[in-house]
Amino acid sequence: MAVVKASTSKATRPWYSHPVYARYWQHYHQAMAWMQSHHNAYRKAAESCFSLPYSSHFRGSGQHPHSSSRIQASTREDQALSKEEEMETESDAEVACDLSNMEITEELRQYFAETKGHREELRRRQQLDAERLDSYVNADHDLYCNTRGSVRRRQAEMKRLYWDSTAKIQAMEATVQLSFDKHCDPKQPNYWPVIHLTF
């Protein structure tokens, strides 16, 4: 019978009220309190920017834009707002004290270590990207210059491919290159850029 009661009490209790989640709910309530104080501060800042203090403006000039009942109501509202502000400043001071006495848990240390690792990884990636950009060669520049070794290798490859017709093929290539230099190179055409697809 006792086993049945224990199982029903566990079944009726929602999963989020389990003690394992107590730290989560503590952080949640602190975040919600901060958000509420932030909204209140934002609201007060917006009110102070967009509302004109009619009572202080018209007191000096002797004019009364509203009836006395409205002025009294506005002064009551001002007093209520000032009391709320005092209470919030006291609660803000308490929150600041709570933050100064905050425990540094193992989870927090682990979080800071992971964050530091992520920053170092980001720095390494940025350095690699900078090196890649430095080594990038524009399409209108040759990556390799023609040296004697490369010319000899080219001639050996031509002989291997074309045998006896090597001289004719090289003459045709030279003619095409000269006509290209004659007709296209004086106009300095822009070459199509070679863009990496992986950024």
C-alpha atoms as a PDB file:
ATOM      1  CA  MET A   1       0.000   0.000   0.000  1.00  0.00           C
ATOM      2  CA  ALA A   2       2.858   2.384   0.845  1.00  0.00           C
ATOM      3  CA  VAL A   3       4.486   1.633  -2.511  1.00  0.00           C
ATOM      4  CA  VAL A   4       1.298   2.583  -4.359  1.00  0.00           C
ATOM      5  CA  LYS A   5       1.041   5.924  -2.482  1.00  0.00           C
ATOM      6  CA  ALA A   6       4.680   6.760  -3.226  1.00  0.00           C
ATOM      7  CA  SER A   7       4.243   5.985  -6.917  1.00  0.00           C
ATOM      8  CA  THR A   8       1.065   8.105  -7.152  1.00  0.00           C
ATOM      9  CA  SER A   9       2.741  11.055  -5.418  1.00  0.00           C
ATOM     10  CA  LYS A  10       5.599  10.832  -7.898  1.00  0.00           C
ATOM     11  CA  ALA A  11       3.145  10.614 -10.764  1.00  0.00           C
ATOM     12  CA  THR A  12       1.197  13.703  -9.663  1.00  0.00           C
ATOM     13  CA  ARG A  13       4.297  15.849  -9.237  1.00  0.00           C
ATOM     14  CA  PRO A  14       5.301  17.539 -12.532  1.00  0.00           C
ATOM     15  CA  TRP A  15       8.728  16.772 -14.001  1.00  0.00           C
ATOM     16  CA  TYR A  16       9.955  20.365 -13.759  1.00  0.00           C
ATOM     17  CA  SER A  17       9.567  20.482  -9.973  1.00  0.00           C
ATOM     18  CA  HIS A  18      12.225  17.807  -9.524  1.00  0.00           C
ATOM     19  CA  PRO A  19      15.120  18.972  -7.288  1.00  0.00           C
ATOM     20  CA  VAL A  20      17.575  18.401 -10.133  1.00  0.00           C
ATOM     21  CA  TYR A  21      16.170  21.485 -11.847  1.00  0.00           C
ATOM     22  CA  ALA A  22      16.382  23.755  -8.756  1.00  0.00           C
ATOM     23  CA  ARG A  23      19.494  25.579  -9.992  1.00  0.00           C
ATOM     24  CA  TYR A  24      17.876  26.122 -13.369  1.00  0.00           C
ATOM     25  CA  TRP A  25      14.785  27.667 -11.783  1.00  0.00           C
ATOM     26  CA  GLN A  26      16.954  29.826  -9.535  1.00  0.00           C
ATOM     27  CA  HIS A  27      18.772  31.214 -12.580  1.00  0.00           C
ATOM     28  CA  TYR A  28      15.485  31.578 -14.417  1.00  0.00           C
ATOM     29  CA  HIS A  29      13.927  33.647 -11.629  1.00  0.00           C
ATOM     30  CA  GLN A  30      17.036  35.836 -11.399  1.00  0.00           C
ATOM     31  CA  ALA A  31      16.927  36.429 -15.152  1.00  0.00           C
ATOM     32  CA  MET A  32      13.226  37.251 -15.047  1.00  0.00           C
ATOM     33  CA  ALA A  33      13.788  39.707 -12.181  1.00  0.00           C
ATOM     34  CA  TRP A  34      16.570  41.372 -14.160  1.00  0.00           C
ATOM     35  CA  MET A  35      14.369  41.542 -17.240  1.00  0.00           C
ATOM     36  CA  GLN A  36      11.537  43.098 -15.222  1.00  0.00           C
ATOM     37  CA  SER A  37      13.855  45.733 -13.737  1.00  0.00           C
ATOM     38  CA  HIS A  38      15.244  46.406 -17.221  1.00  0.00           C
ATOM     39  CA  HIS A  39      11.731  46.923 -18.597  1.00  0.00           C
ATOM     40  CA  ASN A  40      10.898  49.257 -15.711  1.00  0.00           C
ATOM     41  CA  ALA A  41      14.072  51.271 -16.273  1.00  0.00           C
ATOM     42  CA  TYR A  42      13.357  51.461 -19.994  1.00  0.00           C
ATOM     43  CA  ARG A  43       9.783  52.564 -19.337  1.00  0.00           C
ATOM     44  CA  LYS A  44      10.943  55.260 -16.923  1.00  0.00           C
ATOM     45  CA  ALA A  45      13.549  56.491 -19.383  1.00  0.00           C
ATOM     46  CA  ALA A  46      10.973  56.647 -22.157  1.00  0.00           C
ATOM     47  CA  GLU A  47       8.512  58.468 -19.903  1.00  0.00           C
ATOM     48  CA  SER A  48      11.115  60.985 -18.815  1.00  0.00           C
ATOM     49  CA  CYS A  49      12.086  61.649 -22.433  1.00  0.00           C
ATOM     50  CA  PHE A  50       8.605  61.970 -23.873  1.00  0.00           C
ATOM     51  CA  SER A  51       6.624  63.542 -21.032  1.00  0.00           C
ATOM     52  CA  LEU A  52       6.908  67.231 -20.247  1.00  0.00           C
ATOM     53  CA  PRO A  53       6.773  68.318 -16.604  1.00  0.00           C
ATOM     54  CA  TYR A  54       3.744  70.659 -16.961  1.00  0.00           C
ATOM     55  CA  SER A  55       3.395  71.348 -13.262  1.00  0.00           C
ATOM     56  CA  SER A  56       6.960  72.634 -12.807  1.00  0.00           C
ATOM     57  CA  HIS A  57       6.786  74.589 -16.085  1.00  0.00           C
ATOM     58  CA  PHE A  58       3.554  76.404 -15.302  1.00  0.00           C
ATOM     59  CA  ARG A  59       4.202  77.062 -11.605  1.00  0.00           C
ATOM     60  CA  GLY A  60       6.724  79.764 -12.406  1.00  0.00           C
ATOM     61  CA  SER A  61       4.507  81.507 -14.943  1.00  0.00           C
ATOM     62  CA  GLY A  62       1.348  81.393 -12.825  1.00  0.00           C
ATOM     63  CA  GLN A  63      -0.684  79.653 -15.549  1.00  0.00           C
ATOM     64  CA  HIS A  64      -2.851  76.637 -14.856  1.00  0.00           C
ATOM     65  CA  PRO A  65      -3.488  74.541 -17.959  1.00  0.00           C
ATOM     66  CA  HIS A  66      -5.596  71.937 -16.120  1.00  0.00           C
ATOM     67  CA  SER A  67      -8.019  71.978 -13.283  1.00  0.00           C
ATOM     68  CA  SER A  68      -6.694  71.608  -9.755  1.00  0.00           C
ATOM     69  CA  SER A  69      -8.080  68.068  -9.440  1.00  0.00           C
ATOM     70  CA  ARG A  70      -6.003  66.936 -12.406  1.00  0.00           C
ATOM     71  CA  ILE A  71      -2.877  68.532 -10.963  1.00  0.00           C
ATOM     72  CA  GLN A  72      -3.489  66.813  -7.628  1.00  0.00           C
ATOM     73  CA  ALA A  73      -3.961  63.479  -9.419  1.00  0.00           C
ATOM     74  CA  SER A  74      -0.710  63.959 -11.319  1.00  0.00           C
ATOM     75  CA  THR A  75       1.170  64.822  -8.113  1.00  0.00           C
ATOM     76  CA  ARG A  76      -0.222  61.661  -6.490  1.00  0.00           C
ATOM     77  CA  GLU A  77       0.982  59.651  -9.484  1.00  0.00           C
ATOM     78  CA  ASP A  78       4.403  61.309  -9.247  1.00  0.00           C
ATOM     79  CA  GLN A  79       4.618  60.427  -5.563  1.00  0.00           C
ATOM     80  CA  ALA A  80       3.620  56.828  -6.279  1.00  0.00           C
ATOM     81  CA  LEU A  81       6.233  56.609  -9.037  1.00  0.00           C
ATOM     82  CA  SER A  82       8.913  58.046  -6.762  1.00  0.00           C
ATOM     83  CA  LYS A  83       8.063  55.434  -4.105  1.00  0.00           C
ATOM     84  CA  GLU A  84       8.340  52.692  -6.754  1.00  0.00           C
ATOM     85  CA  GLU A  85      11.697  54.085  -7.848  1.00  0.00           C
ATOM     86  CA  GLU A  86      12.996  54.031  -4.276  1.00  0.00           C
ATOM     87  CA  MET A  87      11.872  50.431  -3.852  1.00  0.00           C
ATOM     88  CA  GLU A  88      13.516  49.438  -7.131  1.00  0.00           C
ATOM     89  CA  THR A  89      16.796  51.150  -6.268  1.00  0.00           C
ATOM     90  CA  GLU A  90      16.818  49.271  -2.961  1.00  0.00           C
ATOM     91  CA  SER A  91      16.126  45.989  -4.749  1.00  0.00           C
ATOM     92  CA  ASP A  92      18.828  46.826  -7.322  1.00  0.00           C
ATOM     93  CA  ALA A  93      21.312  47.346  -4.497  1.00  0.00           C
ATOM     94  CA  GLU A  94      20.323  43.960  -3.067  1.00  0.00           C
ATOM     95  CA  VAL A  95      20.829  42.333  -6.462  1.00  0.00           C
ATOM     96  CA  ALA A  96      24.269  43.918  -6.737  1.00  0.00           C
ATOM     97  CA  CYS A  97      25.181  42.492  -3.340  1.00  0.00           C
ATOM     98  CA  ASP A  98      23.930  39.090  -4.409  1.00  0.00           C
ATOM     99  CA  LEU A  99      26.115  39.223  -7.520  1.00  0.00           C
ATOM    100  CA  SER A 100      29.189  40.195  -5.524  1.00  0.00           C
ATOM    101  CA  ASN A 101      28.762  37.150  -3.268  1.00  0.00           C
ATOM    102  CA  MET A 102      28.161  34.807  -6.189  1.00  0.00           C
ATOM    103  CA  GLU A 103      29.741  31.379  -5.961  1.00  0.00           C
ATOM    104  CA  ILE A 104      32.054  30.253  -8.735  1.00  0.00           C
ATOM    105  CA  THR A 105      30.989  26.699  -9.373  1.00  0.00           C
ATOM    106  CA  GLU A 106      32.710  24.025 -11.393  1.00  0.00           C
ATOM    107  CA  GLU A 107      30.127  24.507 -14.156  1.00  0.00           C
ATOM    108  CA  LEU A 108      31.009  28.203 -14.396  1.00  0.00           C
ATOM    109  CA  ARG A 109      34.727  27.415 -14.550  1.00  0.00           C
ATOM    110  CA  GLN A 110      34.067  24.862 -17.269  1.00  0.00           C
ATOM    111  CA  TYR A 111      32.007  27.442 -19.188  1.00  0.00           C
ATOM    112  CA  PHE A 112      34.835  29.986 -18.980  1.00  0.00           C
ATOM    113  CA  ALA A 113      37.345  27.363 -20.148  1.00  0.00           C
ATOM    114  CA  GLU A 114      35.142  26.476 -23.130  1.00  0.00           C
ATOM    115  CA  THR A 115      34.690  30.149 -23.963  1.00  0.00           C
ATOM    116  CA  LYS A 116      38.439  30.682 -23.863  1.00  0.00           C
ATOM    117  CA  GLY A 117      38.927  27.675 -26.150  1.00  0.00           C
ATOM    118  CA  HIS A 118      36.360  29.040 -28.599  1.00  0.00           C
ATOM    119  CA  ARG A 119      38.100  32.421 -28.640  1.00  0.00           C
ATOM    120  CA  GLU A 120      41.474  30.800 -29.353  1.00  0.00           C
ATOM    121  CA  GLU A 121      39.936  28.704 -32.132  1.00  0.00           C
ATOM    122  CA  LEU A 122      38.342  31.815 -33.649  1.00  0.00           C
ATOM    123  CA  ARG A 123      41.695  33.629 -33.484  1.00  0.00           C
ATOM    124  CA  ARG A 124      43.404  30.697 -35.230  1.00  0.00           C
ATOM    125  CA  ARG A 125      40.747  30.668 -37.953  1.00  0.00           C
ATOM    126  CA  GLN A 126      41.157  34.388 -38.505  1.00  0.00           C
ATOM    127  CA  GLN A 127      44.930  33.962 -38.809  1.00  0.00           C
ATOM    128  CA  LEU A 128      44.472  31.144 -41.340  1.00  0.00           C
ATOM    129  CA  ASP A 129      42.033  33.268 -43.340  1.00  0.00           C
ATOM    130  CA  ALA A 130      44.492  36.162 -43.329  1.00  0.00           C
ATOM    131  CA  GLU A 131      47.291  33.855 -44.534  1.00  0.00           C
ATOM    132  CA  ARG A 132      45.009  32.501 -47.274  1.00  0.00           C
ATOM    133  CA  LEU A 133      44.190  36.022 -48.419  1.00  0.00           C
ATOM    134  CA  ASP A 134      47.878  36.935 -48.446  1.00  0.00           C
ATOM    135  CA  SER A 135      48.700  33.920 -50.615  1.00  0.00           C
ATOM    136  CA  TYR A 136      45.776  34.591 -52.999  1.00  0.00           C
ATOM    137  CA  VAL A 137      46.887  35.307 -56.559  1.00  0.00           C
ATOM    138  CA  ASN A 138      44.726  37.439 -58.824  1.00  0.00           C
ATOM    139  CA  ALA A 139      43.633  35.990 -62.164  1.00  0.00           C
ATOM    140  CA  ASP A 140      45.682  38.498 -64.159  1.00  0.00           C
ATOM    141  CA  HIS A 141      48.968  37.414 -62.537  1.00  0.00           C
ATOM    142  CA  ASP A 142      50.850  34.242 -63.345  1.00  0.00           C
ATOM    143  CA  LEU A 143      51.421  31.893 -60.468  1.00  0.00           C
ATOM    144  CA  TYR A 144      54.525  30.311 -61.955  1.00  0.00           C
ATOM    145  CA  CYS A 145      57.107  32.057 -64.079  1.00  0.00           C
ATOM    146  CA  ASN A 146      58.640  30.404 -67.145  1.00  0.00           C
ATOM    147  CA  THR A 147      62.055  29.081 -66.280  1.00  0.00           C
ATOM    148  CA  ARG A 148      64.459  27.055 -68.374  1.00  0.00           C
ATOM    149  CA  GLY A 149      63.540  23.872 -66.539  1.00  0.00           C
ATOM    150  CA  SER A 150      59.853  24.279 -67.267  1.00  0.00           C
ATOM    151  CA  VAL A 151      60.585  25.003 -70.971  1.00  0.00           C
ATOM    152  CA  ARG A 152      62.695  21.853 -71.223  1.00  0.00           C
ATOM    153  CA  ARG A 153      59.997  19.800 -69.507  1.00  0.00           C
ATOM    154  CA  ARG A 154      57.415  21.222 -71.924  1.00  0.00           C
ATOM    155  CA  GLN A 155      59.581  20.285 -74.932  1.00  0.00           C
ATOM    156  CA  ALA A 156      60.090  16.766 -73.571  1.00  0.00           C
ATOM    157  CA  GLU A 157      56.333  16.390 -73.045  1.00  0.00           C
ATOM    158  CA  MET A 158      55.635  17.660 -76.580  1.00  0.00           C
ATOM    159  CA  LYS A 159      58.095  15.131 -78.033  1.00  0.00           C
ATOM    160  CA  ARG A 160      56.483  12.336 -76.049  1.00  0.00           C
ATOM    161  CA  LEU A 161      52.974  13.347 -77.226  1.00  0.00           C
ATOM    162  CA  TYR A 162      53.529  14.371 -80.861  1.00  0.00           C
ATOM    163  CA  TRP A 163      56.795  12.649 -81.876  1.00  0.00           C
ATOM    164  CA  ASP A 164      57.854  13.927 -85.299  1.00  0.00           C
ATOM    165  CA  SER A 165      55.158  16.636 -85.466  1.00  0.00           C
ATOM    166  CA  THR A 166      56.440  18.443 -82.363  1.00  0.00           C
ATOM    167  CA  ALA A 167      58.039  21.301 -84.335  1.00  0.00           C
ATOM    168  CA  LYS A 168      54.824  21.925 -86.315  1.00  0.00           C
ATOM    169  CA  ILE A 169      52.648  21.929 -83.161  1.00  0.00           C
ATOM    170  CA  GLN A 170      55.012  24.303 -81.342  1.00  0.00           C
ATOM    171  CA  ALA A 171      55.019  26.635 -84.369  1.00  0.00           C
ATOM    172  CA  MET A 172      51.207  26.639 -84.404  1.00  0.00           C
ATOM    173  CA  GLU A 173      51.079  27.383 -80.652  1.00  0.00           C
ATOM    174  CA  ALA A 174      53.580  30.221 -81.083  1.00  0.00           C
ATOM    175  CA  THR A 175      51.485  31.677 -83.936  1.00  0.00           C
ATOM    176  CA  VAL A 176      48.311  31.576 -81.837  1.00  0.00           C
ATOM    177  CA  GLN A 177      50.114  33.172 -78.883  1.00  0.00           C
ATOM    178  CA  LEU A 178      51.554  35.953 -81.074  1.00  0.00           C
ATOM    179  CA  SER A 179      48.172  36.711 -82.640  1.00  0.00           C
ATOM    180  CA  PHE A 180      46.645  36.818 -79.169  1.00  0.00           C
ATOM    181  CA  ASP A 181      49.330  39.226 -77.979  1.00  0.00           C
ATOM    182  CA  LYS A 182      48.827  41.353 -81.084  1.00  0.00           C
ATOM    183  CA  HIS A 183      45.022  41.600 -80.959  1.00  0.00           C
ATOM    184  CA  CYS A 184      43.943  41.092 -77.331  1.00  0.00           C
ATOM    185  CA  ASP A 185      46.814  42.156 -75.111  1.00  0.00           C
ATOM    186  CA  PRO A 186      46.936  45.841 -76.184  1.00  0.00           C
ATOM    187  CA  LYS A 187      43.348  46.246 -74.938  1.00  0.00           C
ATOM    188  CA  GLN A 188      44.277  44.796 -71.504  1.00  0.00           C
ATOM    189  CA  PRO A 189      41.151  42.662 -71.058  1.00  0.00           C
ATOM    190  CA  ASN A 190      39.988  41.787 -67.567  1.00  0.00           C
ATOM    191  CA  TYR A 191      40.273  38.080 -66.932  1.00  0.00           C
ATOM    192  CA  TRP A 192      37.459  36.162 -65.329  1.00  0.00           C
ATOM    193  CA  PRO A 193      38.260  35.936 -61.600  1.00  0.00           C
ATOM    194  CA  VAL A 194      38.944  32.629 -59.954  1.00  0.00           C
ATOM    195  CA  ILE A 195      36.887  32.657 -56.775  1.00  0.00           C
ATOM    196  CA  HIS A 196      37.083  29.973 -54.117  1.00  0.00           C
ATOM    197  CA  LEU A 197      33.720  28.374 -53.458  1.00  0.00           C
ATOM    198  CA  THR A 198      34.628  27.590 -49.854  1.00  0.00           C
ATOM    199  CA  PHE A 199      34.957  30.687 -47.731  1.00  0.00           C
END
